[in-house]
């Protein structure tokens, strides 16, 4: 799937994945090893070309040193902020 076709809400997830990995000081190669994937798969996940399932998402959180519940809570907060901003901007346009 080309990056231009990724929904804005999905971009929130992709940003969190990339940020969490880099903040943990992990390269894509490191992350691939932690997830038993190829580096190219990690790249595809971060670009939205390859989907990530919930078990991989949990392993991602563990690899970056964040409890899954906290990772999910952060994702939910970011999605909520995105939705609030989106609604606010939509209301301003009308």
PDB file of N, CA and C in Angstrom:
ATOM      1  N   UNK A   1       0.845  -1.174   0.000  1.00  0.00           N
ATOM      2  CA  UNK A   1       0.000   0.000   0.000  1.00  0.00           C
ATOM      3  C   UNK A   1       0.888   1.234   0.000  1.00  0.00           C
ATOM      4  N   UNK A   2       0.737   2.137  -0.967  1.00  0.00           N
ATOM      5  CA  UNK A   2       1.539   3.349  -1.001  1.00  0.00           C
ATOM      6  C   UNK A   2       1.262   4.212   0.226  1.00  0.00           C
ATOM      7  N   UNK A   3       2.296   4.897   0.675  1.00  0.00           N
ATOM      8  CA  UNK A   3       2.176   5.732   1.869  1.00  0.00           C
ATOM      9  C   UNK A   3       1.069   6.762   1.723  1.00  0.00           C
ATOM     10  N   UNK A   4       0.859   7.301   0.527  1.00  0.00           N
ATOM     11  CA  UNK A   4      -0.154   8.330   0.333  1.00  0.00           C
ATOM     12  C   UNK A   4      -1.566   7.820   0.594  1.00  0.00           C
ATOM     13  N   UNK A   5      -1.771   6.508   0.603  1.00  0.00           N
ATOM     14  CA  UNK A   5      -3.102   5.942   0.827  1.00  0.00           C
ATOM     15  C   UNK A   5      -3.350   5.579   2.283  1.00  0.00           C
ATOM     16  N   UNK A   6      -2.401   5.857   3.156  1.00  0.00           N
ATOM     17  CA  UNK A   6      -2.554   5.537   4.564  1.00  0.00           C
ATOM     18  C   UNK A   6      -3.439   6.597   5.209  1.00  0.00           C
ATOM     19  N   UNK A   7      -4.403   6.149   5.997  1.00  0.00           N
ATOM     20  CA  UNK A   7      -5.293   7.092   6.660  1.00  0.00           C
ATOM     21  C   UNK A   7      -4.519   7.893   7.700  1.00  0.00           C
ATOM     22  N   UNK A   8      -5.011   9.066   7.978  1.00  0.00           N
ATOM     23  CA  UNK A   8      -4.356   9.917   8.979  1.00  0.00           C
ATOM     24  C   UNK A   8      -4.346   9.243  10.347  1.00  0.00           C
ATOM     25  N   UNK A   9      -5.408   8.525  10.687  1.00  0.00           N
ATOM     26  CA  UNK A   9      -5.427   7.851  11.989  1.00  0.00           C
ATOM     27  C   UNK A   9      -4.389   6.725  12.047  1.00  0.00           C
ATOM     28  N   UNK A  10      -4.141   6.058  10.921  1.00  0.00           N
ATOM     29  CA  UNK A  10      -3.105   5.033  10.885  1.00  0.00           C
ATOM     30  C   UNK A  10      -1.727   5.659  11.029  1.00  0.00           C
ATOM     31  N   UNK A  11      -1.564   6.863  10.508  1.00  0.00           N
ATOM     32  CA  UNK A  11      -0.285   7.562  10.653  1.00  0.00           C
ATOM     33  C   UNK A  11       0.054   7.781  12.125  1.00  0.00           C
ATOM     34  N   UNK A  12      -0.955   7.941  12.957  1.00  0.00           N
ATOM     35  CA  UNK A  12      -0.734   8.090  14.397  1.00  0.00           C
ATOM     36  C   UNK A  12      -0.035   6.844  14.933  1.00  0.00           C
ATOM     37  N   UNK A  13      -0.503   5.674  14.548  1.00  0.00           N
ATOM     38  CA  UNK A  13       0.121   4.420  14.965  1.00  0.00           C
ATOM     39  C   UNK A  13       1.544   4.318  14.434  1.00  0.00           C
ATOM     40  N   UNK A  14       1.731   4.604  13.157  1.00  0.00           N
ATOM     41  CA  UNK A  14       3.055   4.488  12.549  1.00  0.00           C
ATOM     42  C   UNK A  14       4.058   5.419  13.227  1.00  0.00           C
ATOM     43  N   UNK A  15       3.616   6.608  13.557  1.00  0.00           N
ATOM     44  CA  UNK A  15       4.491   7.560  14.243  1.00  0.00           C
ATOM     45  C   UNK A  15       4.889   7.024  15.617  1.00  0.00           C
ATOM     46  N   UNK A  16       3.938   6.454  16.346  1.00  0.00           N
ATOM     47  CA  UNK A  16       4.236   5.896  17.661  1.00  0.00           C
ATOM     48  C   UNK A  16       5.213   4.731  17.549  1.00  0.00           C
ATOM     49  N   UNK A  17       5.025   3.872  16.565  1.00  0.00           N
ATOM     50  CA  UNK A  17       5.937   2.750  16.383  1.00  0.00           C
ATOM     51  C   UNK A  17       7.363   3.242  16.151  1.00  0.00           C
ATOM     52  N   UNK A  18       7.517   4.159  15.223  1.00  0.00           N
ATOM     53  CA  UNK A  18       8.850   4.664  14.892  1.00  0.00           C
ATOM     54  C   UNK A  18       9.469   5.412  16.071  1.00  0.00           C
ATOM     55  N   UNK A  19       8.683   6.279  16.702  1.00  0.00           N
ATOM     56  CA  UNK A  19       9.195   7.045  17.837  1.00  0.00           C
ATOM     57  C   UNK A  19       9.601   6.151  18.989  1.00  0.00           C
ATOM     58  N   UNK A  20       8.793   5.168  19.284  1.00  0.00           N
ATOM     59  CA  UNK A  20       9.114   4.292  20.415  1.00  0.00           C
ATOM     60  C   UNK A  20      10.398   3.513  20.145  1.00  0.00           C
ATOM     61  N   UNK A  21      10.581   3.089  18.915  1.00  0.00           N
ATOM     62  CA  UNK A  21      11.798   2.353  18.568  1.00  0.00           C
ATOM     63  C   UNK A  21      13.026   3.245  18.680  1.00  0.00           C
ATOM     64  N   UNK A  22      12.941   4.433  18.131  1.00  0.00           N
ATOM     65  CA  UNK A  22      14.114   5.309  18.155  1.00  0.00           C
ATOM     66  C   UNK A  22      14.409   5.817  19.568  1.00  0.00           C
ATOM     67  N   UNK A  23      13.369   6.106  20.344  1.00  0.00           N
ATOM     68  CA  UNK A  23      13.591   6.537  21.726  1.00  0.00           C
ATOM     69  C   UNK A  23      14.225   5.433  22.565  1.00  0.00           C
ATOM     70  N   UNK A  24      13.953   4.188  22.213  1.00  0.00           N
ATOM     71  CA  UNK A  24      14.561   3.060  22.918  1.00  0.00           C
ATOM     72  C   UNK A  24      15.992   2.822  22.446  1.00  0.00           C
ATOM     73  N   UNK A  25      16.419   3.579  21.440  1.00  0.00           N
ATOM     74  CA  UNK A  25      17.774   3.419  20.928  1.00  0.00           C
ATOM     75  C   UNK A  25      17.967   2.198  20.057  1.00  0.00           C
ATOM     76  N   UNK A  26      16.877   1.718  19.469  1.00  0.00           N
ATOM     77  CA  UNK A  26      16.932   0.517  18.637  1.00  0.00           C
ATOM     78  C   UNK A  26      16.933   0.880  17.163  1.00  0.00           C
ATOM     79  N   UNK A  27      17.752   0.180  16.407  1.00  0.00           N
ATOM     80  CA  UNK A  27      17.706   0.308  14.957  1.00  0.00           C
ATOM     81  C   UNK A  27      16.614  -0.620  14.435  1.00  0.00           C
ATOM     82  N   UNK A  28      16.313  -0.495  13.154  1.00  0.00           N
ATOM     83  CA  UNK A  28      15.368  -1.430  12.558  1.00  0.00           C
ATOM     84  C   UNK A  28      15.909  -2.854  12.597  1.00  0.00           C
ATOM     85  N   UNK A  29      17.203  -3.000  12.494  1.00  0.00           N
ATOM     86  CA  UNK A  29      17.819  -4.328  12.579  1.00  0.00           C
ATOM     87  C   UNK A  29      17.627  -4.905  13.975  1.00  0.00           C
ATOM     88  N   UNK A  30      17.836  -4.069  15.014  1.00  0.00           N
ATOM     89  CA  UNK A  30      17.610  -4.511  16.392  1.00  0.00           C
ATOM     90  C   UNK A  30      16.162  -4.955  16.582  1.00  0.00           C
ATOM     91  N   UNK A  31      15.250  -4.133  16.094  1.00  0.00           N
ATOM     92  CA  UNK A  31      13.824  -4.433  16.256  1.00  0.00           C
ATOM     93  C   UNK A  31      13.463  -5.712  15.513  1.00  0.00           C
ATOM     94  N   UNK A  32      14.016  -5.877  14.336  1.00  0.00           N
ATOM     95  CA  UNK A  32      13.754  -7.087  13.563  1.00  0.00           C
ATOM     96  C   UNK A  32      14.177  -8.322  14.358  1.00  0.00           C
ATOM     97  N   UNK A  33      15.340  -8.253  14.989  1.00  0.00           N
ATOM     98  CA  UNK A  33      15.802  -9.373  15.800  1.00  0.00           C
ATOM     99  C   UNK A  33      14.864  -9.661  16.957  1.00  0.00           C
ATOM    100  N   UNK A  34      14.380  -8.610  17.609  1.00  0.00           N
ATOM    101  CA  UNK A  34      13.471  -8.774  18.745  1.00  0.00           C
ATOM    102  C   UNK A  34      12.137  -9.377  18.323  1.00  0.00           C
ATOM    103  N   UNK A  35      11.711  -9.089  17.106  1.00  0.00           N
ATOM    104  CA  UNK A  35      10.417  -9.564  16.614  1.00  0.00           C
ATOM    105  C   UNK A  35      10.528 -10.818  15.751  1.00  0.00           C
ATOM    106  N   UNK A  36      11.737 -11.295  15.547  1.00  0.00           N
ATOM    107  CA  UNK A  36      11.985 -12.440  14.647  1.00  0.00           C
ATOM    108  C   UNK A  36      11.479 -12.149  13.235  1.00  0.00           C
ATOM    109  N   UNK A  37      11.789 -10.941  12.773  1.00  0.00           N
ATOM    110  CA  UNK A  37      11.428 -10.509  11.427  1.00  0.00           C
ATOM    111  C   UNK A  37      12.695 -10.087  10.694  1.00  0.00           C
ATOM    112  N   UNK A  38      12.532  -9.749   9.418  1.00  0.00           N
ATOM    113  CA  UNK A  38      13.625  -9.148   8.651  1.00  0.00           C
ATOM    114  C   UNK A  38      13.573  -7.633   8.868  1.00  0.00           C
ATOM    115  N   UNK A  39      14.713  -6.991   8.688  1.00  0.00           N
ATOM    116  CA  UNK A  39      14.746  -5.530   8.788  1.00  0.00           C
ATOM    117  C   UNK A  39      13.773  -4.905   7.799  1.00  0.00           C
ATOM    118  N   UNK A  40      13.663  -5.492   6.626  1.00  0.00           N
ATOM    119  CA  UNK A  40      12.747  -4.938   5.616  1.00  0.00           C
ATOM    120  C   UNK A  40      11.293  -5.008   6.091  1.00  0.00           C
ATOM    121  N   UNK A  41      10.954  -6.014   6.895  1.00  0.00           N
ATOM    122  CA  UNK A  41       9.593  -6.097   7.441  1.00  0.00           C
ATOM    123  C   UNK A  41       9.335  -4.967   8.431  1.00  0.00           C
ATOM    124  N   UNK A  42      10.328  -4.659   9.257  1.00  0.00           N
ATOM    125  CA  UNK A  42      10.180  -3.544  10.208  1.00  0.00           C
ATOM    126  C   UNK A  42       9.998  -2.238   9.440  1.00  0.00           C
ATOM    127  N   UNK A  43      10.794  -2.051   8.400  1.00  0.00           N
ATOM    128  CA  UNK A  43      10.656  -0.860   7.559  1.00  0.00           C
ATOM    129  C   UNK A  43       9.259  -0.782   6.948  1.00  0.00           C
ATOM    130  N   UNK A  44       8.768  -1.901   6.443  1.00  0.00           N
ATOM    131  CA  UNK A  44       7.435  -1.931   5.829  1.00  0.00           C
ATOM    132  C   UNK A  44       6.349  -1.624   6.862  1.00  0.00           C
ATOM    133  N   UNK A  45       6.511  -2.140   8.078  1.00  0.00           N
ATOM    134  CA  UNK A  45       5.535  -1.847   9.139  1.00  0.00           C
ATOM    135  C   UNK A  45       5.534  -0.350   9.432  1.00  0.00           C
ATOM    136  N   UNK A  46       6.712   0.230   9.607  1.00  0.00           N
ATOM    137  CA  UNK A  46       6.808   1.648   9.953  1.00  0.00           C
ATOM    138  C   UNK A  46       6.318   2.564   8.836  1.00  0.00           C
ATOM    139  N   UNK A  47       6.340   2.091   7.597  1.00  0.00           N
ATOM    140  CA  UNK A  47       5.844   2.877   6.469  1.00  0.00           C
ATOM    141  C   UNK A  47       4.375   2.600   6.160  1.00  0.00           C
ATOM    142  N   UNK A  48       3.800   1.608   6.838  1.00  0.00           N
ATOM    143  CA  UNK A  48       2.403   1.279   6.603  1.00  0.00           C
ATOM    144  C   UNK A  48       2.179   0.379   5.415  1.00  0.00           C
ATOM    145  N   UNK A  49       3.248  -0.194   4.888  1.00  0.00           N
ATOM    146  CA  UNK A  49       3.139  -1.104   3.750  1.00  0.00           C
ATOM    147  C   UNK A  49       2.700  -2.478   4.223  1.00  0.00           C
ATOM    148  N   UNK A  50       3.174  -2.858   5.415  1.00  0.00           N
ATOM    149  CA  UNK A  50       2.811  -4.149   6.012  1.00  0.00           C
ATOM    150  C   UNK A  50       2.092  -3.880   7.321  1.00  0.00           C
ATOM    151  N   UNK A  51       0.963  -4.546   7.500  1.00  0.00           N
ATOM    152  CA  UNK A  51       0.205  -4.376   8.747  1.00  0.00           C
ATOM    153  C   UNK A  51       0.882  -5.127   9.878  1.00  0.00           C
ATOM    154  N   UNK A  52       0.614  -4.667  11.091  1.00  0.00           N
ATOM    155  CA  UNK A  52       1.147  -5.310  12.279  1.00  0.00           C
ATOM    156  C   UNK A  52      -0.037  -5.874  13.064  1.00  0.00           C
ATOM    157  N   UNK A  53       0.068  -7.131  13.468  1.00  0.00           N
ATOM    158  CA  UNK A  53      -1.041  -7.702  14.235  1.00  0.00           C
ATOM    159  C   UNK A  53      -0.839  -7.394  15.722  1.00  0.00           C
ATOM    160  N   UNK A  54      -1.826  -7.694  16.513  1.00  0.00           N
ATOM    161  CA  UNK A  54      -1.799  -7.302  17.917  1.00  0.00           C
ATOM    162  C   UNK A  54      -0.682  -8.011  18.688  1.00  0.00           C
ATOM    163  N   UNK A  55      -0.368  -9.244  18.335  1.00  0.00           N
ATOM    164  CA  UNK A  55       0.718  -9.944  19.027  1.00  0.00           C
ATOM    165  C   UNK A  55       2.066  -9.317  18.680  1.00  0.00           C
ATOM    166  N   UNK A  56       2.245  -8.911  17.426  1.00  0.00           N
ATOM    167  CA  UNK A  56       3.474  -8.209  17.050  1.00  0.00           C
ATOM    168  C   UNK A  56       3.537  -6.853  17.747  1.00  0.00           C
ATOM    169  N   UNK A  57       2.394  -6.197  17.858  1.00  0.00           N
ATOM    170  CA  UNK A  57       2.345  -4.909  18.543  1.00  0.00           C
ATOM    171  C   UNK A  57       2.765  -5.075  20.005  1.00  0.00           C
ATOM    172  N   UNK A  58       2.305  -6.142  20.623  1.00  0.00           N
ATOM    173  CA  UNK A  58       2.688  -6.412  22.010  1.00  0.00           C
ATOM    174  C   UNK A  58       4.187  -6.669  22.109  1.00  0.00           C
ATOM    175  N   UNK A  59       4.722  -7.471  21.188  1.00  0.00           N
ATOM    176  CA  UNK A  59       6.167  -7.749  21.199  1.00  0.00           C
ATOM    177  C   UNK A  59       6.967  -6.478  20.920  1.00  0.00           C
ATOM    178  N   UNK A  60       6.420  -5.592  20.086  1.00  0.00           N
ATOM    179  CA  UNK A  60       7.068  -4.303  19.801  1.00  0.00           C
ATOM    180  C   UNK A  60       7.194  -3.505  21.099  1.00  0.00           C
ATOM    181  N   UNK A  61       6.094  -3.424  21.834  1.00  0.00           N
ATOM    182  CA  UNK A  61       6.101  -2.683  23.099  1.00  0.00           C
ATOM    183  C   UNK A  61       7.136  -3.263  24.061  1.00  0.00           C
ATOM    184  N   UNK A  62       7.168  -4.571  24.187  1.00  0.00           N
ATOM    185  CA  UNK A  62       8.136  -5.230  25.065  1.00  0.00           C
ATOM    186  C   UNK A  62       9.562  -4.912  24.612  1.00  0.00           C
ATOM    187  N   UNK A  63       9.800  -4.943  23.310  1.00  0.00           N
ATOM    188  CA  UNK A  63      11.139  -4.692  22.770  1.00  0.00           C
ATOM    189  C   UNK A  63      11.623  -3.276  23.071  1.00  0.00           C
ATOM    190  N   UNK A  64      10.696  -2.321  23.117  1.00  0.00           N
ATOM    191  CA  UNK A  64      11.095  -0.939  23.410  1.00  0.00           C
ATOM    192  C   UNK A  64      11.054  -0.644  24.900  1.00  0.00           C
ATOM    193  N   UNK A  65      10.715  -1.662  25.692  1.00  0.00           N
ATOM    194  CA  UNK A  65      10.753  -1.515  27.149  1.00  0.00           C
ATOM    195  C   UNK A  65       9.552  -0.836  27.758  1.00  0.00           C
ATOM    196  N   UNK A  66       8.415  -0.942  27.082  1.00  0.00           N
ATOM    197  CA  UNK A  66       7.184  -0.313  27.572  1.00  0.00           C
ATOM    198  C   UNK A  66       6.138  -1.399  27.795  1.00  0.00           C
ATOM    199  N   UNK A  67       5.524  -1.445  28.979  1.00  0.00           N
ATOM    200  CA  UNK A  67       4.442  -2.424  29.174  1.00  0.00           C
ATOM    201  C   UNK A  67       3.357  -2.216  28.105  1.00  0.00           C
ATOM    202  N   UNK A  68       2.819  -3.317  27.603  1.00  0.00           N
ATOM    203  CA  UNK A  68       1.829  -3.235  26.525  1.00  0.00           C
ATOM    204  C   UNK A  68       0.652  -2.336  26.897  1.00  0.00           C
ATOM    205  N   UNK A  69       0.200  -2.420  28.134  1.00  0.00           N
ATOM    206  CA  UNK A  69      -0.934  -1.595  28.565  1.00  0.00           C
ATOM    207  C   UNK A  69      -0.607  -0.103  28.425  1.00  0.00           C
ATOM    208  N   UNK A  70       0.607   0.258  28.792  1.00  0.00           N
ATOM    209  CA  UNK A  70       1.030   1.666  28.680  1.00  0.00           C
ATOM    210  C   UNK A  70       1.157   2.072  27.213  1.00  0.00           C
ATOM    211  N   UNK A  71       1.684   1.173  26.402  1.00  0.00           N
ATOM    212  CA  UNK A  71       1.815   1.437  24.972  1.00  0.00           C
ATOM    213  C   UNK A  71       0.434   1.653  24.350  1.00  0.00           C
ATOM    214  N   UNK A  72      -0.507   0.768  24.689  1.00  0.00           N
ATOM    215  CA  UNK A  72      -1.872   0.878  24.162  1.00  0.00           C
ATOM    216  C   UNK A  72      -2.542   2.152  24.649  1.00  0.00           C
ATOM    217  N   UNK A  73      -2.301   2.519  25.906  1.00  0.00           N
ATOM    218  CA  UNK A  73      -2.876   3.745  26.455  1.00  0.00           C
ATOM    219  C   UNK A  73      -2.332   4.973  25.711  1.00  0.00           C
ATOM    220  N   UNK A  74      -1.024   4.980  25.432  1.00  0.00           N
ATOM    221  CA  UNK A  74      -0.419   6.082  24.681  1.00  0.00           C
ATOM    222  C   UNK A  74      -1.015   6.170  23.285  1.00  0.00           C
ATOM    223  N   UNK A  75      -1.181   5.032  22.645  1.00  0.00           N
ATOM    224  CA  UNK A  75      -1.791   5.017  21.317  1.00  0.00           C
ATOM    225  C   UNK A  75      -3.213   5.561  21.373  1.00  0.00           C
ATOM    226  N   UNK A  76      -3.975   5.134  22.362  1.00  0.00           N
ATOM    227  CA  UNK A  76      -5.347   5.608  22.516  1.00  0.00           C
ATOM    228  C   UNK A  76      -5.391   7.113  22.754  1.00  0.00           C
ATOM    229  N   UNK A  77      -4.494   7.618  23.577  1.00  0.00           N
ATOM    230  CA  UNK A  77      -4.445   9.063  23.833  1.00  0.00           C
ATOM    231  C   UNK A  77      -4.112   9.839  22.567  1.00  0.00           C
ATOM    232  N   UNK A  78      -3.159   9.321  21.793  1.00  0.00           N
ATOM    233  CA  UNK A  78      -2.798   9.995  20.540  1.00  0.00           C
ATOM    234  C   UNK A  78      -3.949   9.965  19.542  1.00  0.00           C
ATOM    235  N   UNK A  79      -4.645   8.820  19.450  1.00  0.00           N
ATOM    236  CA  UNK A  79      -5.796   8.741  18.555  1.00  0.00           C
ATOM    237  C   UNK A  79      -6.895   9.711  19.002  1.00  0.00           C
ATOM    238  N   UNK A  80      -7.132   9.777  20.293  1.00  0.00           N
ATOM    239  CA  UNK A  80      -8.156  10.687  20.814  1.00  0.00           C
ATOM    240  C   UNK A  80      -7.809  12.125  20.493  1.00  0.00           C
ATOM    241  N   UNK A  81      -6.541  12.491  20.680  1.00  0.00           N
ATOM    242  CA  UNK A  81      -6.097  13.854  20.353  1.00  0.00           C
ATOM    243  C   UNK A  81      -6.277  14.130  18.864  1.00  0.00           C
ATOM    244  N   UNK A  82      -5.920  13.162  18.036  1.00  0.00           N
ATOM    245  CA  UNK A  82      -6.099  13.309  16.596  1.00  0.00           C
ATOM    246  C   UNK A  82      -7.572  13.536  16.258  1.00  0.00           C
ATOM    247  N   UNK A  83      -8.454  12.724  16.854  1.00  0.00           N
ATOM    248  CA  UNK A  83      -9.890  12.848  16.575  1.00  0.00           C
ATOM    249  C   UNK A  83     -10.432  14.199  17.032  1.00  0.00           C
ATOM    250  N   UNK A  84     -10.007  14.660  18.212  1.00  0.00           N
ATOM    251  CA  UNK A  84     -10.460  15.969  18.691  1.00  0.00           C
ATOM    252  C   UNK A  84     -10.011  17.073  17.744  1.00  0.00           C
ATOM    253  N   UNK A  85      -8.774  17.010  17.317  1.00  0.00           N
ATOM    254  CA  UNK A  85      -8.245  18.015  16.394  1.00  0.00           C
ATOM    255  C   UNK A  85      -8.981  17.955  15.066  1.00  0.00           C
ATOM    256  N   UNK A  86      -9.203  16.746  14.575  1.00  0.00           N
ATOM    257  CA  UNK A  86      -9.899  16.567  13.299  1.00  0.00           C
ATOM    258  C   UNK A  86     -11.323  17.143  13.377  1.00  0.00           C
ATOM    259  N   UNK A  87     -12.035  16.840  14.469  1.00  0.00           N
ATOM    260  CA  UNK A  87     -13.400  17.377  14.630  1.00  0.00           C
ATOM    261  C   UNK A  87     -13.382  18.899  14.728  1.00  0.00           C
ATOM    262  N   UNK A  88     -12.426  19.438  15.453  1.00  0.00           N
ATOM    263  CA  UNK A  88     -12.318  20.891  15.623  1.00  0.00           C
ATOM    264  C   UNK A  88     -12.084  21.556  14.258  1.00  0.00           C
ATOM    265  N   UNK A  89     -11.156  21.020  13.487  1.00  0.00           N
ATOM    266  CA  UNK A  89     -10.867  21.614  12.181  1.00  0.00           C
ATOM    267  C   UNK A  89     -12.046  21.459  11.233  1.00  0.00           C
ATOM    268  N   UNK A  90     -12.734  20.342  11.292  1.00  0.00           N
ATOM    269  CA  UNK A  90     -13.903  20.126  10.440  1.00  0.00           C
ATOM    270  C   UNK A  90     -15.008  21.121  10.785  1.00  0.00           C
ATOM    271  N   UNK A  91     -15.177  21.377  12.072  1.00  0.00           N
ATOM    272  CA  UNK A  91     -16.215  22.320  12.513  1.00  0.00           C
ATOM    273  C   UNK A  91     -15.883  23.737  12.074  1.00  0.00           C
ATOM    274  N   UNK A  92     -14.627  24.074  12.060  1.00  0.00           N
ATOM    275  CA  UNK A  92     -14.207  25.421  11.633  1.00  0.00           C
ATOM    276  C   UNK A  92     -14.430  25.653  10.148  1.00  0.00           C
ATOM    277  N   UNK A  93     -14.408  24.570   9.362  1.00  0.00           N
ATOM    278  CA  UNK A  93     -14.602  24.677   7.928  1.00  0.00           C
ATOM    279  C   UNK A  93     -16.061  24.918   7.553  1.00  0.00           C
ATOM    280  N   UNK A  94     -16.966  24.587   8.464  1.00  0.00           N
ATOM    281  CA  UNK A  94     -18.397  24.730   8.120  1.00  0.00           C
ATOM    282  C   UNK A  94     -18.952  26.047   8.567  1.00  0.00           C
TER     283      UNK A  94
END
